[in-house]
Amino acid sequence: MNNQSLFLRIILLIFIIGISYACKYDEVVEPDTPALEPDACAEIAFSTDIKTIIETSCARSNCHVAGTGLPDFTKDSNIKAKASRIKARTGAKTMPPAGPLSQSAINKIACWVENGGSVDN
C-alpha cells in the first residue's frame, strides 16, 4: 500500500466518523409531566384517546399495519392484545422508532392499560 492510498483511507475514515456524529439528532426534552390522577385516568377512552395515539404514531406504513410482520394496530383487538407491551415500550421510550411519544400520551396509555386496556369504552 502506498502513502497516497493510506492517506485517502485515513481521510475517508475521518469523514465517516464525522458524518456519523453529525447525523445524531438533538433530543427534545419535555418538561416532566406528572402521572395522571386516578380521576383523570378513569376518563381515558380507547376510541378518543388511545386509538388516536396508536393511529398517528404506530399504525403507519411500514410499521404496525397488515403485511409488515408486526402486530397490525389498525385492528382494535390487536391493540388490546398487546396493551401491556405497548405500555412497556412507550414508557421505556423505545417506541415509536421515530422518537418517543409525549409524556402526556405515555401517561394516557399507562392509565388505559392499568384500567384494564378495554377497547369498549
N, C-alpha and C. Protein backbone atom coordinates (compact mmCIF):
# COMPACT_ATOMS: atom_id res chain seq x y z
N MET A 1 0.86 -1.17 0.00
CA MET A 1 0.00 0.00 0.00
C MET A 1 0.90 1.23 0.00
N ASN A 2 0.65 2.14 -0.93
CA ASN A 2 1.48 3.33 -0.99
C ASN A 2 0.93 4.41 -0.06
N ASN A 3 1.72 5.46 0.12
CA ASN A 3 1.36 6.53 1.06
C ASN A 3 0.08 7.25 0.64
N GLN A 4 -0.13 7.44 -0.64
CA GLN A 4 -1.32 8.14 -1.11
C GLN A 4 -2.58 7.33 -0.79
N SER A 5 -2.54 6.03 -0.98
CA SER A 5 -3.67 5.16 -0.67
C SER A 5 -3.96 5.17 0.83
N LEU A 6 -2.94 5.12 1.65
CA LEU A 6 -3.11 5.17 3.10
C LEU A 6 -3.71 6.50 3.52
N PHE A 7 -3.22 7.58 2.94
CA PHE A 7 -3.73 8.91 3.24
C PHE A 7 -5.21 9.01 2.89
N LEU A 8 -5.62 8.51 1.73
CA LEU A 8 -7.02 8.55 1.32
C LEU A 8 -7.90 7.72 2.25
N ARG A 9 -7.41 6.59 2.70
CA ARG A 9 -8.17 5.76 3.63
C ARG A 9 -8.36 6.47 4.98
N ILE A 10 -7.34 7.14 5.44
CA ILE A 10 -7.45 7.88 6.70
C ILE A 10 -8.45 9.02 6.56
N ILE A 11 -8.38 9.74 5.45
CA ILE A 11 -9.32 10.85 5.21
C ILE A 11 -10.75 10.31 5.15
N LEU A 12 -10.94 9.18 4.47
CA LEU A 12 -12.26 8.56 4.36
C LEU A 12 -12.77 8.15 5.74
N LEU A 13 -11.93 7.58 6.55
CA LEU A 13 -12.31 7.18 7.91
C LEU A 13 -12.72 8.39 8.74
N ILE A 14 -11.96 9.45 8.67
CA ILE A 14 -12.30 10.68 9.40
C ILE A 14 -13.63 11.23 8.91
N PHE A 15 -13.84 11.20 7.61
CA PHE A 15 -15.09 11.69 7.02
C PHE A 15 -16.28 10.86 7.54
N ILE A 16 -16.15 9.55 7.54
CA ILE A 16 -17.23 8.66 8.01
C ILE A 16 -17.53 8.91 9.48
N ILE A 17 -16.50 9.04 10.29
CA ILE A 17 -16.71 9.32 11.72
C ILE A 17 -17.39 10.67 11.90
N GLY A 18 -16.97 11.66 11.14
CA GLY A 18 -17.60 12.99 11.22
C GLY A 18 -19.06 12.96 10.84
N ILE A 19 -19.39 12.23 9.78
CA ILE A 19 -20.78 12.11 9.33
C ILE A 19 -21.62 11.41 10.39
N SER A 20 -21.07 10.36 11.00
CA SER A 20 -21.86 9.62 12.00
C SER A 20 -22.18 10.50 13.20
N TYR A 21 -21.29 11.39 13.59
CA TYR A 21 -21.60 12.30 14.69
C TYR A 21 -22.57 13.38 14.25
N ALA A 22 -22.47 13.82 13.03
CA ALA A 22 -23.37 14.86 12.53
C ALA A 22 -24.79 14.36 12.36
N CYS A 23 -24.98 13.06 12.19
CA CYS A 23 -26.31 12.51 11.96
C CYS A 23 -27.10 12.27 13.23
N LYS A 24 -26.49 12.43 14.37
CA LYS A 24 -27.24 12.28 15.61
C LYS A 24 -28.21 13.43 15.73
N TYR A 25 -29.41 13.13 16.22
CA TYR A 25 -30.41 14.16 16.36
C TYR A 25 -30.38 14.74 17.77
N ASP A 26 -30.79 15.97 17.87
CA ASP A 26 -30.91 16.59 19.17
C ASP A 26 -32.21 16.13 19.80
N GLU A 27 -32.11 15.58 20.98
CA GLU A 27 -33.30 15.09 21.66
C GLU A 27 -34.05 16.27 22.26
N VAL A 28 -35.34 16.30 21.99
CA VAL A 28 -36.19 17.32 22.56
C VAL A 28 -36.62 16.82 23.93
N VAL A 29 -36.29 17.59 24.95
CA VAL A 29 -36.61 17.19 26.30
C VAL A 29 -37.85 17.93 26.74
N GLU A 30 -38.88 17.16 27.04
CA GLU A 30 -40.12 17.75 27.52
C GLU A 30 -40.04 17.92 29.02
N PRO A 31 -40.68 18.95 29.53
CA PRO A 31 -40.73 19.04 30.98
C PRO A 31 -41.49 17.83 31.51
N ASP A 32 -41.11 17.38 32.69
CA ASP A 32 -41.78 16.22 33.28
C ASP A 32 -43.26 16.50 33.46
N THR A 33 -44.04 15.59 32.96
CA THR A 33 -45.48 15.67 33.13
C THR A 33 -45.84 14.64 34.18
N PRO A 34 -46.43 15.08 35.27
CA PRO A 34 -46.75 14.11 36.31
C PRO A 34 -47.76 13.08 35.81
N ALA A 35 -47.73 11.92 36.42
CA ALA A 35 -48.69 10.87 36.07
C ALA A 35 -50.10 11.39 36.31
N LEU A 36 -51.01 10.89 35.53
CA LEU A 36 -52.40 11.33 35.66
C LEU A 36 -53.00 10.86 36.97
N GLU A 37 -53.82 11.69 37.53
CA GLU A 37 -54.54 11.34 38.76
C GLU A 37 -55.56 10.25 38.45
N PRO A 38 -55.93 9.45 39.44
CA PRO A 38 -56.90 8.37 39.20
C PRO A 38 -58.20 8.85 38.55
N ASP A 39 -58.71 10.02 38.95
CA ASP A 39 -59.94 10.52 38.34
C ASP A 39 -59.74 10.80 36.86
N ALA A 40 -58.57 11.36 36.50
CA ALA A 40 -58.29 11.65 35.10
C ALA A 40 -58.10 10.35 34.32
N CYS A 41 -57.51 9.35 34.96
CA CYS A 41 -57.32 8.04 34.31
C CYS A 41 -58.67 7.42 33.96
N ALA A 42 -59.63 7.59 34.83
CA ALA A 42 -60.94 6.99 34.59
C ALA A 42 -61.61 7.57 33.36
N GLU A 43 -61.20 8.76 32.96
CA GLU A 43 -61.81 9.41 31.81
C GLU A 43 -61.11 9.11 30.49
N ILE A 44 -60.04 8.32 30.53
CA ILE A 44 -59.33 7.94 29.30
C ILE A 44 -60.20 6.96 28.53
N ALA A 45 -60.48 7.28 27.29
CA ALA A 45 -61.32 6.42 26.45
C ALA A 45 -60.50 5.86 25.29
N PHE A 46 -60.69 4.61 25.01
CA PHE A 46 -59.96 3.99 23.91
C PHE A 46 -60.22 4.72 22.60
N SER A 47 -61.49 4.91 22.26
CA SER A 47 -61.84 5.45 20.94
C SER A 47 -61.37 6.88 20.73
N THR A 48 -61.36 7.69 21.77
CA THR A 48 -60.98 9.09 21.58
C THR A 48 -59.55 9.41 21.98
N ASP A 49 -58.97 8.62 22.85
CA ASP A 49 -57.61 8.91 23.32
C ASP A 49 -56.58 7.92 22.77
N ILE A 50 -56.72 6.67 23.14
CA ILE A 50 -55.70 5.67 22.83
C ILE A 50 -55.64 5.36 21.35
N LYS A 51 -56.78 5.13 20.74
CA LYS A 51 -56.80 4.78 19.31
C LYS A 51 -56.17 5.91 18.47
N THR A 52 -56.43 7.14 18.84
CA THR A 52 -55.84 8.28 18.12
C THR A 52 -54.32 8.27 18.22
N ILE A 53 -53.80 8.01 19.43
CA ILE A 53 -52.35 7.94 19.61
C ILE A 53 -51.76 6.82 18.77
N ILE A 54 -52.38 5.65 18.82
CA ILE A 54 -51.88 4.49 18.06
C ILE A 54 -51.95 4.75 16.56
N GLU A 55 -53.06 5.31 16.08
CA GLU A 55 -53.21 5.58 14.65
C GLU A 55 -52.17 6.55 14.14
N THR A 56 -51.87 7.59 14.90
CA THR A 56 -50.95 8.61 14.42
C THR A 56 -49.48 8.27 14.64
N SER A 57 -49.20 7.38 15.60
CA SER A 57 -47.80 7.10 15.93
C SER A 57 -47.34 5.68 15.64
N CYS A 58 -48.26 4.74 15.56
CA CYS A 58 -47.87 3.33 15.45
C CYS A 58 -48.40 2.64 14.19
N ALA A 59 -49.67 2.84 13.89
CA ALA A 59 -50.30 2.17 12.74
C ALA A 59 -50.04 2.98 11.48
N ARG A 60 -48.78 3.04 11.10
CA ARG A 60 -48.35 3.81 9.93
C ARG A 60 -47.69 2.87 8.94
N SER A 61 -47.56 3.32 7.71
CA SER A 61 -46.97 2.44 6.69
C SER A 61 -45.60 1.96 7.15
N ASN A 62 -45.29 0.72 6.86
CA ASN A 62 -44.04 0.06 7.23
C ASN A 62 -43.87 -0.10 8.73
N CYS A 63 -44.94 0.01 9.47
CA CYS A 63 -44.84 -0.21 10.91
C CYS A 63 -45.95 -1.17 11.33
N HIS A 64 -46.82 -0.80 12.22
CA HIS A 64 -47.82 -1.71 12.75
C HIS A 64 -49.09 -1.73 11.90
N VAL A 65 -48.94 -2.20 10.66
CA VAL A 65 -50.06 -2.39 9.73
C VAL A 65 -49.94 -3.77 9.09
N ALA A 66 -50.99 -4.19 8.43
CA ALA A 66 -51.01 -5.51 7.80
C ALA A 66 -49.86 -5.65 6.80
N GLY A 67 -49.27 -6.84 6.78
CA GLY A 67 -48.23 -7.16 5.81
C GLY A 67 -46.82 -6.81 6.24
N THR A 68 -46.63 -6.28 7.44
CA THR A 68 -45.29 -5.91 7.88
C THR A 68 -44.64 -6.96 8.76
N GLY A 69 -45.43 -7.93 9.21
CA GLY A 69 -44.90 -8.92 10.13
C GLY A 69 -44.98 -8.48 11.58
N LEU A 70 -45.41 -7.27 11.80
CA LEU A 70 -45.61 -6.74 13.15
C LEU A 70 -47.10 -6.81 13.48
N PRO A 71 -47.46 -6.73 14.76
CA PRO A 71 -48.88 -6.72 15.08
C PRO A 71 -49.58 -5.58 14.33
N ASP A 72 -50.73 -5.89 13.76
CA ASP A 72 -51.49 -4.92 12.97
C ASP A 72 -52.35 -4.08 13.92
N PHE A 73 -51.91 -2.85 14.18
CA PHE A 73 -52.61 -1.98 15.11
C PHE A 73 -53.72 -1.18 14.44
N THR A 74 -54.10 -1.57 13.23
CA THR A 74 -55.32 -0.99 12.65
C THR A 74 -56.53 -1.78 13.16
N LYS A 75 -56.26 -2.89 13.84
CA LYS A 75 -57.32 -3.73 14.42
C LYS A 75 -57.33 -3.55 15.93
N ASP A 76 -58.47 -3.12 16.44
CA ASP A 76 -58.60 -2.86 17.88
C ASP A 76 -58.24 -4.08 18.72
N SER A 77 -58.59 -5.27 18.26
CA SER A 77 -58.32 -6.49 19.03
C SER A 77 -56.82 -6.71 19.20
N ASN A 78 -56.02 -6.33 18.21
CA ASN A 78 -54.56 -6.48 18.32
C ASN A 78 -53.98 -5.46 19.29
N ILE A 79 -54.54 -4.26 19.30
CA ILE A 79 -54.08 -3.25 20.26
C ILE A 79 -54.35 -3.74 21.67
N LYS A 80 -55.55 -4.24 21.91
CA LYS A 80 -55.92 -4.76 23.24
C LYS A 80 -55.01 -5.92 23.63
N ALA A 81 -54.75 -6.83 22.69
CA ALA A 81 -53.92 -8.00 22.98
C ALA A 81 -52.49 -7.61 23.34
N LYS A 82 -52.01 -6.52 22.80
CA LYS A 82 -50.64 -6.07 23.04
C LYS A 82 -50.56 -4.87 23.98
N ALA A 83 -51.64 -4.59 24.72
CA ALA A 83 -51.71 -3.40 25.56
C ALA A 83 -50.54 -3.29 26.53
N SER A 84 -50.21 -4.37 27.23
CA SER A 84 -49.11 -4.32 28.20
C SER A 84 -47.77 -4.04 27.52
N ARG A 85 -47.58 -4.64 26.34
CA ARG A 85 -46.33 -4.41 25.60
C ARG A 85 -46.26 -2.98 25.08
N ILE A 86 -47.39 -2.46 24.64
CA ILE A 86 -47.43 -1.07 24.17
C ILE A 86 -47.06 -0.14 25.32
N LYS A 87 -47.64 -0.40 26.50
CA LYS A 87 -47.32 0.42 27.68
C LYS A 87 -45.83 0.34 28.00
N ALA A 88 -45.27 -0.86 28.00
CA ALA A 88 -43.86 -1.04 28.33
C ALA A 88 -42.95 -0.34 27.33
N ARG A 89 -43.20 -0.51 26.05
CA ARG A 89 -42.32 0.06 25.02
C ARG A 89 -42.44 1.58 24.94
N THR A 90 -43.66 2.11 25.08
CA THR A 90 -43.80 3.57 25.04
C THR A 90 -43.26 4.19 26.32
N GLY A 91 -43.48 3.51 27.45
CA GLY A 91 -42.96 4.01 28.73
C GLY A 91 -41.45 4.02 28.77
N ALA A 92 -40.82 3.04 28.14
CA ALA A 92 -39.36 2.99 28.07
C ALA A 92 -38.82 3.91 26.98
N LYS A 93 -39.72 4.49 26.22
CA LYS A 93 -39.39 5.41 25.13
C LYS A 93 -38.57 4.75 24.02
N THR A 94 -38.83 3.44 23.82
CA THR A 94 -38.18 2.72 22.72
C THR A 94 -39.10 2.62 21.52
N MET A 95 -40.33 3.02 21.69
CA MET A 95 -41.30 3.06 20.59
C MET A 95 -42.08 4.35 20.70
N PRO A 96 -42.44 4.92 19.63
CA PRO A 96 -42.14 4.55 18.25
C PRO A 96 -40.70 4.88 17.88
N PRO A 97 -40.16 4.24 16.84
CA PRO A 97 -38.77 4.44 16.49
C PRO A 97 -38.44 5.86 16.03
N ALA A 98 -39.43 6.60 15.57
CA ALA A 98 -39.18 7.98 15.14
C ALA A 98 -38.90 8.90 16.32
N GLY A 99 -39.15 8.43 17.50
CA GLY A 99 -38.92 9.22 18.70
C GLY A 99 -40.04 8.97 19.68
N PRO A 100 -39.76 9.23 20.94
CA PRO A 100 -40.76 8.91 21.96
C PRO A 100 -42.01 9.76 21.84
N LEU A 101 -43.10 9.21 22.35
CA LEU A 101 -44.35 9.95 22.43
C LEU A 101 -44.20 11.05 23.49
N SER A 102 -45.14 11.97 23.49
CA SER A 102 -45.15 12.97 24.55
C SER A 102 -45.41 12.26 25.87
N GLN A 103 -44.98 12.86 26.95
CA GLN A 103 -45.21 12.25 28.25
C GLN A 103 -46.70 12.14 28.54
N SER A 104 -47.47 13.09 28.05
CA SER A 104 -48.92 13.04 28.22
C SER A 104 -49.50 11.80 27.55
N ALA A 105 -49.07 11.49 26.32
CA ALA A 105 -49.55 10.30 25.61
C ALA A 105 -49.11 9.03 26.33
N ILE A 106 -47.88 9.01 26.80
CA ILE A 106 -47.37 7.85 27.54
C ILE A 106 -48.21 7.63 28.79
N ASN A 107 -48.53 8.70 29.50
CA ASN A 107 -49.36 8.60 30.70
C ASN A 107 -50.75 8.08 30.38
N LYS A 108 -51.33 8.54 29.28
CA LYS A 108 -52.66 8.07 28.89
C LYS A 108 -52.65 6.57 28.60
N ILE A 109 -51.62 6.12 27.87
CA ILE A 109 -51.52 4.69 27.57
C ILE A 109 -51.37 3.90 28.87
N ALA A 110 -50.52 4.38 29.77
CA ALA A 110 -50.31 3.68 31.04
C ALA A 110 -51.62 3.60 31.83
N CYS A 111 -52.35 4.69 31.90
CA CYS A 111 -53.64 4.69 32.62
C CYS A 111 -54.61 3.71 31.98
N TRP A 112 -54.69 3.74 30.66
CA TRP A 112 -55.60 2.86 29.93
C TRP A 112 -55.29 1.39 30.23
N VAL A 113 -54.02 1.04 30.19
CA VAL A 113 -53.63 -0.35 30.45
C VAL A 113 -53.92 -0.71 31.91
N GLU A 114 -53.57 0.18 32.83
CA GLU A 114 -53.81 -0.10 34.25
C GLU A 114 -55.30 -0.23 34.56
N ASN A 115 -56.13 0.40 33.75
CA ASN A 115 -57.58 0.29 33.93
C ASN A 115 -58.18 -0.89 33.16
N GLY A 116 -57.34 -1.77 32.67
CA GLY A 116 -57.84 -2.98 32.01
C GLY A 116 -57.65 -3.03 30.52
N GLY A 117 -57.26 -1.93 29.88
CA GLY A 117 -57.00 -1.94 28.44
C GLY A 117 -58.20 -2.29 27.59
N SER A 118 -59.36 -1.85 28.02
CA SER A 118 -60.59 -2.18 27.29
C SER A 118 -60.72 -1.33 26.03
N VAL A 119 -61.22 -1.94 24.95
CA VAL A 119 -61.48 -1.20 23.72
C VAL A 119 -62.95 -0.81 23.63
N ASP A 120 -63.70 -1.14 24.66
CA ASP A 120 -65.14 -0.90 24.63
C ASP A 120 -65.56 0.46 25.15
N ASN A 121 -64.68 1.12 25.91
CA ASN A 121 -65.11 2.40 26.49
C ASN A 121 -64.88 3.56 25.57
